[in-house]
Amino acid sequence: EFEAEFHIRYDVLAQYNIPSLPADCPSSNF
């Protein structure tokens, strides 16, 4: 849906800074 609407790559969204995002789930040491 995103790529059809904006005609840009999906992973560009990773560059946007969202304040107060929850901490992620690490794959190790947890």
All heavy atoms as atom14 arrays in JSON, in Angstrom:
{
  "sequence": "EFEAEFHIRYDVLAQYNIPSLPADCPSSNF",
  "atom14_mask": [
    [1, 1, 1, 1, 1, 1, 1, 1, 1, 0, 0, 0, 0, 0],
    [1, 1, 1, 1, 1, 1, 1, 1, 1, 1, 1, 0, 0, 0],
    [1, 1, 1, 1, 1, 1, 1, 1, 1, 0, 0, 0, 0, 0],
    [1, 1, 1, 1, 1, 0, 0, 0, 0, 0, 0, 0, 0, 0],
    [1, 1, 1, 1, 1, 1, 1, 1, 1, 0, 0, 0, 0, 0],
    [1, 1, 1, 1, 1, 1, 1, 1, 1, 1, 1, 0, 0, 0],
    [1, 1, 1, 1, 1, 1, 1, 1, 1, 1, 0, 0, 0, 0],
    [1, 1, 1, 1, 1, 1, 1, 1, 0, 0, 0, 0, 0, 0],
    [1, 1, 1, 1, 1, 1, 1, 1, 1, 1, 1, 0, 0, 0],
    [1, 1, 1, 1, 1, 1, 1, 1, 1, 1, 1, 1, 0, 0],
    [1, 1, 1, 1, 1, 1, 1, 1, 0, 0, 0, 0, 0, 0],
    [1, 1, 1, 1, 1, 1, 1, 0, 0, 0, 0, 0, 0, 0],
    [1, 1, 1, 1, 1, 1, 1, 1, 0, 0, 0, 0, 0, 0],
    [1, 1, 1, 1, 1, 0, 0, 0, 0, 0, 0, 0, 0, 0],
    [1, 1, 1, 1, 1, 1, 1, 1, 1, 0, 0, 0, 0, 0],
    [1, 1, 1, 1, 1, 1, 1, 1, 1, 1, 1, 1, 0, 0],
    [1, 1, 1, 1, 1, 1, 1, 1, 0, 0, 0, 0, 0, 0],
    [1, 1, 1, 1, 1, 1, 1, 1, 0, 0, 0, 0, 0, 0],
    [1, 1, 1, 1, 1, 1, 1, 0, 0, 0, 0, 0, 0, 0],
    [1, 1, 1, 1, 1, 1, 0, 0, 0, 0, 0, 0, 0, 0],
    [1, 1, 1, 1, 1, 1, 1, 1, 0, 0, 0, 0, 0, 0],
    [1, 1, 1, 1, 1, 1, 1, 0, 0, 0, 0, 0, 0, 0],
    [1, 1, 1, 1, 1, 0, 0, 0, 0, 0, 0, 0, 0, 0],
    [1, 1, 1, 1, 1, 1, 1, 1, 0, 0, 0, 0, 0, 0],
    [1, 1, 1, 1, 1, 1, 0, 0, 0, 0, 0, 0, 0, 0],
    [1, 1, 1, 1, 1, 1, 1, 0, 0, 0, 0, 0, 0, 0],
    [1, 1, 1, 1, 1, 1, 0, 0, 0, 0, 0, 0, 0, 0],
    [1, 1, 1, 1, 1, 1, 0, 0, 0, 0, 0, 0, 0, 0],
    [1, 1, 1, 1, 1, 1, 1, 1, 0, 0, 0, 0, 0, 0],
    [1, 1, 1, 1, 1, 1, 1, 1, 1, 1, 1, 0, 0, 0]
  ],
  "atom14_positions": [
    [[0.83, -1.2, 0.0], [0.0, 0.0, 0.0], [0.87, 1.26, 0.0], [0.58, 2.23, -0.72], [-0.91, -0.01, 1.22], [-1.98, -1.09, 1.18], [-2.69, -1.25, 2.51], [-2.31, -0.55, 3.47], [-3.63, -2.07, 2.59], [0.0, 0.0, 0.0], [0.0, 0.0, 0.0], [0.0, 0.0, 0.0], [0.0, 0.0, 0.0], [0.0, 0.0, 0.0]],
    [[1.93, 1.25, 0.81], [2.8, 2.43, 0.89], [3.51, 2.69, -0.43], [3.54, 3.82, -0.93], [3.82, 2.23, 2.01], [4.87, 3.32, 2.06], [4.58, 4.54, 2.65], [6.13, 3.11, 1.52], [5.54, 5.55, 2.68], [7.09, 4.12, 1.55], [6.79, 5.33, 2.14], [0.0, 0.0, 0.0], [0.0, 0.0, 0.0], [0.0, 0.0, 0.0]],
    [[4.14, 1.67, -0.99], [4.9, 1.84, -2.23], [3.99, 2.21, -3.4], [4.4, 2.94, -4.31], [5.7, 0.57, -2.53], [6.82, 0.34, -1.52], [7.67, -0.88, -1.83], [7.23, -1.72, -2.65], [8.77, -1.0, -1.25], [0.0, 0.0, 0.0], [0.0, 0.0, 0.0], [0.0, 0.0, 0.0], [0.0, 0.0, 0.0], [0.0, 0.0, 0.0]],
    [[2.76, 1.72, -3.4], [1.8, 2.08, -4.45], [1.4, 3.55, -4.36], [1.19, 4.23, -5.38], [0.58, 1.19, -4.38], [0.0, 0.0, 0.0], [0.0, 0.0, 0.0], [0.0, 0.0, 0.0], [0.0, 0.0, 0.0], [0.0, 0.0, 0.0], [0.0, 0.0, 0.0], [0.0, 0.0, 0.0], [0.0, 0.0, 0.0], [0.0, 0.0, 0.0]],
    [[1.31, 4.07, -3.13], [0.89, 5.46, -2.94], [2.01, 6.46, -3.15], [1.81, 7.51, -3.78], [0.31, 5.63, -1.52], [-0.18, 7.03, -1.24], [-0.76, 7.19, 0.17], [-0.88, 6.16, 0.88], [-1.09, 8.33, 0.54], [0.0, 0.0, 0.0], [0.0, 0.0, 0.0], [0.0, 0.0, 0.0], [0.0, 0.0, 0.0], [0.0, 0.0, 0.0]],
    [[3.21, 6.15, -2.65], [4.3, 7.13, -2.66], [5.37, 6.85, -3.7], [6.21, 7.71, -3.97], [4.94, 7.21, -1.27], [4.03, 7.79, -0.23], [3.27, 6.96, 0.59], [3.92, 9.16, -0.06], [2.42, 7.48, 1.55], [3.07, 9.69, 0.91], [2.32, 8.85, 1.72], [0.0, 0.0, 0.0], [0.0, 0.0, 0.0], [0.0, 0.0, 0.0]],
    [[5.4, 5.64, -4.25], [6.38, 5.26, -5.3], [7.82, 5.45, -4.83], [8.69, 5.9, -5.58], [6.14, 6.09, -6.58], [4.73, 5.96, -7.09], [4.26, 4.83, -7.71], [3.68, 6.85, -7.06], [2.99, 5.0, -8.05], [2.61, 6.21, -7.66], [0.0, 0.0, 0.0], [0.0, 0.0, 0.0], [0.0, 0.0, 0.0], [0.0, 0.0, 0.0]],
    [[8.06, 5.14, -3.57], [9.41, 5.13, -3.02], [9.59, 3.84, -2.23], [8.62, 3.16, -1.88], [9.7, 6.35, -2.11], [8.62, 6.47, -1.02], [9.8, 7.62, -2.92], [8.86, 7.63, -0.07], [0.0, 0.0, 0.0], [0.0, 0.0, 0.0], [0.0, 0.0, 0.0], [0.0, 0.0, 0.0], [0.0, 0.0, 0.0], [0.0, 0.0, 0.0]],
    [[10.84, 3.49, -1.95], [11.12, 2.23, -1.26], [10.59, 2.25, 0.17], [10.64, 3.26, 0.87], [12.63, 1.98, -1.26], [13.19, 1.65, -2.63], [14.68, 1.39, -2.54], [15.0, 0.38, -1.53], [16.23, -0.08, -1.33], [17.24, 0.38, -2.05], [16.45, -0.99, -0.39], [0.0, 0.0, 0.0], [0.0, 0.0, 0.0], [0.0, 0.0, 0.0]],
    [[10.13, 1.09, 0.57], [9.5, 0.93, 1.89], [10.47, 1.22, 3.02], [10.1, 1.83, 4.03], [8.96, -0.5, 1.99], [8.14, -0.79, 3.21], [6.96, -0.07, 3.47], [8.49, -1.81, 4.09], [6.18, -0.37, 4.59], [7.7, -2.11, 5.2], [6.55, -1.38, 5.44], [5.77, -1.67, 6.54], [0.0, 0.0, 0.0], [0.0, 0.0, 0.0]],
    [[11.73, 0.8, 2.88], [12.68, 0.93, 3.99], [13.11, 2.38, 4.25], [13.84, 2.64, 5.21], [13.91, 0.05, 3.77], [14.6, 0.29, 2.44], [14.24, 1.27, 1.75], [15.48, -0.51, 2.07], [0.0, 0.0, 0.0], [0.0, 0.0, 0.0], [0.0, 0.0, 0.0], [0.0, 0.0, 0.0], [0.0, 0.0, 0.0], [0.0, 0.0, 0.0]],
    [[12.65, 3.33, 3.41], [12.94, 4.73, 3.7], [12.26, 5.16, 5.0], [12.68, 6.11, 5.67], [12.49, 5.64, 2.53], [10.97, 5.79, 2.49], [13.14, 7.02, 2.61], [0.0, 0.0, 0.0], [0.0, 0.0, 0.0], [0.0, 0.0, 0.0], [0.0, 0.0, 0.0], [0.0, 0.0, 0.0], [0.0, 0.0, 0.0], [0.0, 0.0, 0.0]],
    [[11.22, 4.43, 5.39], [10.49, 4.76, 6.62], [11.34, 4.55, 7.86], [11.05, 5.12, 8.92], [9.22, 3.92, 6.71], [8.15, 4.22, 5.65], [7.03, 3.18, 5.7], [7.58, 5.62, 5.84], [0.0, 0.0, 0.0], [0.0, 0.0, 0.0], [0.0, 0.0, 0.0], [0.0, 0.0, 0.0], [0.0, 0.0, 0.0], [0.0, 0.0, 0.0]],
    [[12.36, 3.74, 7.76], [13.25, 3.51, 8.9], [14.02, 4.77, 9.29], [14.51, 4.88, 10.42], [14.22, 2.37, 8.59], [0.0, 0.0, 0.0], [0.0, 0.0, 0.0], [0.0, 0.0, 0.0], [0.0, 0.0, 0.0], [0.0, 0.0, 0.0], [0.0, 0.0, 0.0], [0.0, 0.0, 0.0], [0.0, 0.0, 0.0], [0.0, 0.0, 0.0]],
    [[14.11, 5.71, 8.35], [14.89, 6.93, 8.6], [14.1, 7.96, 9.41], [14.68, 8.92, 9.92], [15.32, 7.54, 7.26], [16.18, 6.62, 6.41], [16.44, 7.17, 5.03], [16.18, 8.34, 4.75], [16.95, 6.33, 4.13], [0.0, 0.0, 0.0], [0.0, 0.0, 0.0], [0.0, 0.0, 0.0], [0.0, 0.0, 0.0], [0.0, 0.0, 0.0]],
    [[12.8, 7.78, 9.51], [11.98, 8.75, 10.25], [12.1, 8.51, 11.75], [11.97, 7.39, 12.22], [10.52, 8.66, 9.8], [10.23, 9.55, 8.62], [10.65, 9.2, 7.35], [9.55, 10.76, 8.78], [10.42, 10.02, 6.27], [9.31, 11.59, 7.69], [9.74, 11.22, 6.44], [9.52, 12.04, 5.36], [0.0, 0.0, 0.0], [0.0, 0.0, 0.0]],
    [[12.32, 9.58, 12.47], [12.49, 9.49, 13.91], [11.14, 9.64, 14.6], [10.48, 10.68, 14.48], [13.45, 10.58, 14.4], [13.67, 10.52, 15.89], [13.69, 9.43, 16.48], [13.82, 11.67, 16.52], [0.0, 0.0, 0.0], [0.0, 0.0, 0.0], [0.0, 0.0, 0.0], [0.0, 0.0, 0.0], [0.0, 0.0, 0.0], [0.0, 0.0, 0.0]],
    [[10.73, 8.59, 15.31], [9.48, 8.62, 16.05], [9.81, 8.71, 17.54], [10.38, 7.77, 18.11], [8.63, 7.36, 15.79], [8.44, 7.14, 14.29], [7.29, 7.45, 16.5], [7.65, 8.22, 13.6], [0.0, 0.0, 0.0], [0.0, 0.0, 0.0], [0.0, 0.0, 0.0], [0.0, 0.0, 0.0], [0.0, 0.0, 0.0], [0.0, 0.0, 0.0]],
    [[9.49, 9.82, 18.19], [9.77, 9.92, 19.63], [8.98, 8.9, 20.44], [7.88, 8.52, 20.07], [9.32, 11.35, 19.98], [9.18, 12.07, 18.68], [8.85, 11.04, 17.66], [0.0, 0.0, 0.0], [0.0, 0.0, 0.0], [0.0, 0.0, 0.0], [0.0, 0.0, 0.0], [0.0, 0.0, 0.0], [0.0, 0.0, 0.0], [0.0, 0.0, 0.0]],
    [[9.56, 8.45, 21.52], [8.89, 7.58, 22.49], [8.51, 6.21, 21.94], [7.54, 5.6, 22.41], [7.63, 8.26, 23.05], [7.94, 9.52, 23.58], [0.0, 0.0, 0.0], [0.0, 0.0, 0.0], [0.0, 0.0, 0.0], [0.0, 0.0, 0.0], [0.0, 0.0, 0.0], [0.0, 0.0, 0.0], [0.0, 0.0, 0.0], [0.0, 0.0, 0.0]],
    [[9.24, 5.72, 20.95], [8.99, 4.35, 20.5], [9.37, 3.37, 21.61], [10.34, 3.59, 22.33], [9.81, 4.03, 19.25], [9.27, 4.45, 17.88], [10.26, 4.05, 16.8], [7.91, 3.82, 17.6], [0.0, 0.0, 0.0], [0.0, 0.0, 0.0], [0.0, 0.0, 0.0], [0.0, 0.0, 0.0], [0.0, 0.0, 0.0], [0.0, 0.0, 0.0]],
    [[8.64, 2.26, 21.74], [9.02, 1.27, 22.75], [10.39, 0.66, 22.44], [10.81, 0.62, 21.26], [7.93, 0.2, 22.63], [6.81, 0.85, 21.91], [7.42, 1.9, 21.03], [0.0, 0.0, 0.0], [0.0, 0.0, 0.0], [0.0, 0.0, 0.0], [0.0, 0.0, 0.0], [0.0, 0.0, 0.0], [0.0, 0.0, 0.0], [0.0, 0.0, 0.0]],
    [[11.06, 0.2, 23.47], [12.35, -0.48, 23.26], [12.11, -1.77, 22.49], [11.07, -2.4, 22.62], [12.99, -0.78, 24.61], [0.0, 0.0, 0.0], [0.0, 0.0, 0.0], [0.0, 0.0, 0.0], [0.0, 0.0, 0.0], [0.0, 0.0, 0.0], [0.0, 0.0, 0.0], [0.0, 0.0, 0.0], [0.0, 0.0, 0.0], [0.0, 0.0, 0.0]],
    [[13.08, -2.13, 21.65], [12.92, -3.32, 20.81], [13.22, -4.61, 21.59], [13.59, -4.57, 22.76], [13.82, -3.24, 19.58], [15.3, -3.13, 19.94], [15.61, -3.18, 21.15], [16.14, -3.02, 19.03], [0.0, 0.0, 0.0], [0.0, 0.0, 0.0], [0.0, 0.0, 0.0], [0.0, 0.0, 0.0], [0.0, 0.0, 0.0], [0.0, 0.0, 0.0]],
    [[13.02, -5.73, 20.91], [13.29, -7.05, 21.5], [14.61, -7.57, 20.94], [14.66, -7.98, 19.78], [12.18, -8.04, 21.18], [10.66, -7.78, 22.09], [0.0, 0.0, 0.0], [0.0, 0.0, 0.0], [0.0, 0.0, 0.0], [0.0, 0.0, 0.0], [0.0, 0.0, 0.0], [0.0, 0.0, 0.0], [0.0, 0.0, 0.0], [0.0, 0.0, 0.0]],
    [[15.68, -7.56, 21.71], [16.97, -8.05, 21.2], [16.94, -9.55, 20.98], [16.22, -10.28, 21.65], [17.96, -7.66, 22.3], [17.13, -7.58, 23.53], [15.77, -7.13, 23.11], [0.0, 0.0, 0.0], [0.0, 0.0, 0.0], [0.0, 0.0, 0.0], [0.0, 0.0, 0.0], [0.0, 0.0, 0.0], [0.0, 0.0, 0.0], [0.0, 0.0, 0.0]],
    [[17.74, -10.01, 20.02], [17.75, -11.44, 19.68], [18.64, -12.26, 20.62], [18.61, -13.49, 20.57], [18.24, -11.63, 18.24], [19.54, -11.08, 18.09], [0.0, 0.0, 0.0], [0.0, 0.0, 0.0], [0.0, 0.0, 0.0], [0.0, 0.0, 0.0], [0.0, 0.0, 0.0], [0.0, 0.0, 0.0], [0.0, 0.0, 0.0], [0.0, 0.0, 0.0]],
    [[19.44, -11.6, 21.46], [20.32, -12.34, 22.37], [20.44, -11.59, 23.7], [20.01, -10.44, 23.82], [21.71, -12.52, 21.73], [22.28, -11.27, 21.43], [0.0, 0.0, 0.0], [0.0, 0.0, 0.0], [0.0, 0.0, 0.0], [0.0, 0.0, 0.0], [0.0, 0.0, 0.0], [0.0, 0.0, 0.0], [0.0, 0.0, 0.0], [0.0, 0.0, 0.0]],
    [[21.04, -12.29, 24.68], [21.31, -11.72, 26.0], [20.06, -11.3, 26.76], [20.11, -10.44, 27.63], [22.26, -10.51, 25.89], [23.59, -10.88, 25.26], [24.09, -11.98, 25.46], [24.15, -9.97, 24.49], [0.0, 0.0, 0.0], [0.0, 0.0, 0.0], [0.0, 0.0, 0.0], [0.0, 0.0, 0.0], [0.0, 0.0, 0.0], [0.0, 0.0, 0.0]],
    [[18.93, -11.87, 26.4], [17.69, -11.59, 27.09], [17.03, -12.9, 27.47], [16.98, -13.83, 26.66], [16.74, -10.77, 26.2], [16.58, -9.33, 26.61], [17.69, -8.54, 26.8], [15.33, -8.77, 26.8], [17.56, -7.2, 27.17], [15.18, -7.45, 27.17], [16.31, -6.65, 27.36], [0.0, 0.0, 0.0], [0.0, 0.0, 0.0], [0.0, 0.0, 0.0]]
  ]
}
